[in-house]
N, C-alpha and C. Protein backbone atom coordinates (compact mmCIF):
# COMPACT_ATOMS: atom_id res chain seq x y z
N MET A 1 -70.76 -15.75 -8.35
CA MET A 1 -69.53 -15.16 -7.85
C MET A 1 -68.80 -14.39 -8.95
N LYS A 2 -68.87 -14.94 -10.16
CA LYS A 2 -68.18 -14.31 -11.29
C LYS A 2 -68.73 -12.91 -11.58
N ASP A 3 -70.00 -12.71 -11.29
CA ASP A 3 -70.62 -11.41 -11.56
C ASP A 3 -70.08 -10.30 -10.68
N TYR A 4 -69.51 -10.66 -9.54
CA TYR A 4 -69.00 -9.65 -8.60
C TYR A 4 -67.56 -9.26 -8.88
N LEU A 5 -66.87 -9.96 -9.75
CA LEU A 5 -65.46 -9.67 -10.00
C LEU A 5 -65.21 -8.27 -10.54
N PRO A 6 -65.98 -7.78 -11.52
CA PRO A 6 -65.74 -6.40 -11.98
C PRO A 6 -65.94 -5.38 -10.86
N TYR A 7 -66.97 -5.58 -10.05
CA TYR A 7 -67.21 -4.64 -8.95
C TYR A 7 -66.06 -4.68 -7.94
N ALA A 8 -65.60 -5.89 -7.61
CA ALA A 8 -64.50 -6.03 -6.66
C ALA A 8 -63.22 -5.40 -7.20
N ALA A 9 -62.96 -5.57 -8.48
CA ALA A 9 -61.77 -4.96 -9.09
C ALA A 9 -61.87 -3.44 -9.03
N GLY A 10 -63.05 -2.90 -9.28
CA GLY A 10 -63.25 -1.45 -9.21
C GLY A 10 -63.10 -0.92 -7.80
N VAL A 11 -63.57 -1.67 -6.82
CA VAL A 11 -63.42 -1.27 -5.42
C VAL A 11 -61.94 -1.22 -5.05
N LEU A 12 -61.19 -2.24 -5.46
CA LEU A 12 -59.75 -2.25 -5.16
C LEU A 12 -59.04 -1.09 -5.86
N ALA A 13 -59.41 -0.80 -7.09
CA ALA A 13 -58.81 0.33 -7.79
C ALA A 13 -59.16 1.65 -7.10
N GLY A 14 -60.42 1.80 -6.70
CA GLY A 14 -60.83 3.01 -5.99
C GLY A 14 -60.12 3.16 -4.65
N LEU A 15 -59.91 2.05 -3.97
CA LEU A 15 -59.21 2.09 -2.70
C LEU A 15 -57.75 2.48 -2.90
N LEU A 16 -57.14 1.98 -3.95
CA LEU A 16 -55.76 2.34 -4.25
C LEU A 16 -55.65 3.83 -4.57
N VAL A 17 -56.58 4.34 -5.36
CA VAL A 17 -56.59 5.78 -5.67
C VAL A 17 -56.81 6.60 -4.40
N ALA A 18 -57.68 6.13 -3.52
CA ALA A 18 -57.93 6.85 -2.26
C ALA A 18 -56.65 6.90 -1.41
N PHE A 19 -55.94 5.77 -1.32
CA PHE A 19 -54.68 5.77 -0.58
C PHE A 19 -53.67 6.74 -1.19
N LEU A 20 -53.55 6.73 -2.51
CA LEU A 20 -52.60 7.61 -3.19
C LEU A 20 -52.96 9.08 -2.99
N MET A 21 -54.23 9.42 -3.18
CA MET A 21 -54.64 10.81 -3.01
C MET A 21 -54.48 11.27 -1.57
N SER A 22 -54.79 10.40 -0.63
CA SER A 22 -54.67 10.76 0.77
C SER A 22 -53.21 11.02 1.13
N GLY A 23 -52.32 10.19 0.62
CA GLY A 23 -50.91 10.37 0.90
C GLY A 23 -50.33 11.59 0.22
N LEU A 24 -50.69 11.81 -1.04
CA LEU A 24 -50.14 12.93 -1.79
C LEU A 24 -50.67 14.27 -1.30
N LEU A 25 -51.93 14.32 -0.93
CA LEU A 25 -52.54 15.58 -0.50
C LEU A 25 -52.49 15.78 1.02
N ALA A 26 -51.97 14.78 1.73
CA ALA A 26 -51.87 14.83 3.19
C ALA A 26 -53.22 15.16 3.84
N LEU A 27 -54.24 14.47 3.42
CA LEU A 27 -55.58 14.70 3.96
C LEU A 27 -55.72 14.06 5.34
N THR A 28 -56.50 14.68 6.18
CA THR A 28 -56.76 14.15 7.52
C THR A 28 -58.25 14.30 7.84
N GLU A 29 -58.67 13.58 8.79
CA GLU A 29 -60.02 13.64 9.37
C GLU A 29 -61.14 13.53 8.34
N THR A 30 -62.03 14.51 8.26
CA THR A 30 -63.24 14.41 7.46
C THR A 30 -62.97 14.25 5.96
N PRO A 31 -62.09 15.04 5.35
CA PRO A 31 -61.84 14.83 3.91
C PRO A 31 -61.31 13.42 3.61
N GLN A 32 -60.48 12.90 4.47
CA GLN A 32 -59.95 11.56 4.28
C GLN A 32 -61.07 10.52 4.42
N LEU A 33 -61.94 10.71 5.38
CA LEU A 33 -63.06 9.79 5.59
C LEU A 33 -64.00 9.79 4.37
N VAL A 34 -64.29 10.95 3.84
CA VAL A 34 -65.14 11.06 2.65
C VAL A 34 -64.47 10.39 1.46
N LEU A 35 -63.17 10.60 1.30
CA LEU A 35 -62.42 10.01 0.20
C LEU A 35 -62.47 8.49 0.26
N PHE A 36 -62.25 7.92 1.44
CA PHE A 36 -62.25 6.47 1.59
C PHE A 36 -63.66 5.88 1.55
N ALA A 37 -64.67 6.70 1.75
CA ALA A 37 -66.04 6.20 1.65
C ALA A 37 -66.54 6.23 0.21
N LEU A 38 -66.18 7.25 -0.54
CA LEU A 38 -66.74 7.43 -1.88
C LEU A 38 -65.97 6.74 -2.99
N LEU A 39 -64.64 6.86 -2.99
CA LEU A 39 -63.88 6.35 -4.13
C LEU A 39 -64.02 4.84 -4.35
N PRO A 40 -63.95 4.00 -3.34
CA PRO A 40 -64.14 2.57 -3.62
C PRO A 40 -65.53 2.25 -4.19
N ALA A 41 -66.56 2.89 -3.65
CA ALA A 41 -67.91 2.63 -4.15
C ALA A 41 -68.09 3.13 -5.58
N VAL A 42 -67.59 4.32 -5.87
CA VAL A 42 -67.69 4.87 -7.21
C VAL A 42 -66.86 4.06 -8.19
N GLY A 43 -65.66 3.68 -7.78
CA GLY A 43 -64.81 2.86 -8.64
C GLY A 43 -65.46 1.53 -8.98
N GLY A 44 -66.04 0.89 -8.00
CA GLY A 44 -66.72 -0.38 -8.24
C GLY A 44 -67.89 -0.23 -9.18
N ALA A 45 -68.67 0.81 -8.98
CA ALA A 45 -69.83 1.03 -9.84
C ALA A 45 -69.42 1.33 -11.28
N LEU A 46 -68.37 2.14 -11.45
CA LEU A 46 -67.93 2.48 -12.80
C LEU A 46 -67.38 1.27 -13.55
N VAL A 47 -66.54 0.49 -12.90
CA VAL A 47 -65.97 -0.68 -13.57
C VAL A 47 -67.06 -1.69 -13.90
N GLU A 48 -68.00 -1.87 -12.99
CA GLU A 48 -69.09 -2.81 -13.24
C GLU A 48 -69.93 -2.34 -14.44
N ARG A 49 -70.20 -1.06 -14.51
CA ARG A 49 -70.99 -0.53 -15.62
C ARG A 49 -70.26 -0.68 -16.95
N VAL A 50 -68.97 -0.40 -16.96
CA VAL A 50 -68.19 -0.53 -18.19
C VAL A 50 -68.17 -1.99 -18.64
N CYS A 51 -67.99 -2.91 -17.71
CA CYS A 51 -67.95 -4.33 -18.07
C CYS A 51 -69.30 -4.82 -18.59
N ARG A 52 -70.37 -4.30 -18.06
CA ARG A 52 -71.70 -4.73 -18.53
C ARG A 52 -72.04 -4.15 -19.90
N ARG A 53 -71.50 -2.99 -20.23
CA ARG A 53 -71.79 -2.35 -21.51
C ARG A 53 -70.98 -2.95 -22.65
N ARG A 54 -69.82 -3.52 -22.35
CA ARG A 54 -69.01 -4.12 -23.41
C ARG A 54 -69.74 -5.32 -23.98
N PRO A 55 -69.73 -5.42 -25.31
CA PRO A 55 -70.40 -6.58 -25.91
C PRO A 55 -69.62 -7.86 -25.66
N ASN A 56 -70.33 -8.93 -25.43
CA ASN A 56 -69.69 -10.23 -25.20
C ASN A 56 -69.30 -10.82 -26.54
N ASN A 57 -68.08 -11.35 -26.60
CA ASN A 57 -67.60 -11.96 -27.84
C ASN A 57 -67.91 -13.44 -27.91
N SER A 58 -68.60 -14.00 -26.94
CA SER A 58 -68.89 -15.44 -26.96
C SER A 58 -70.22 -15.75 -27.58
């Protein structure tokens, strides 16, 4: 379960960014759907990759 925490944090961050961009840019329909489909997945993947690349101090 601990291994999924970085991915989940990235998904939540991506979702927050998607909500902000959608509200600020007043996106509707297809662009909004693409935004909400891509940003959480990309955010999760990026955060997970960054966490795996950092050296462990233990």
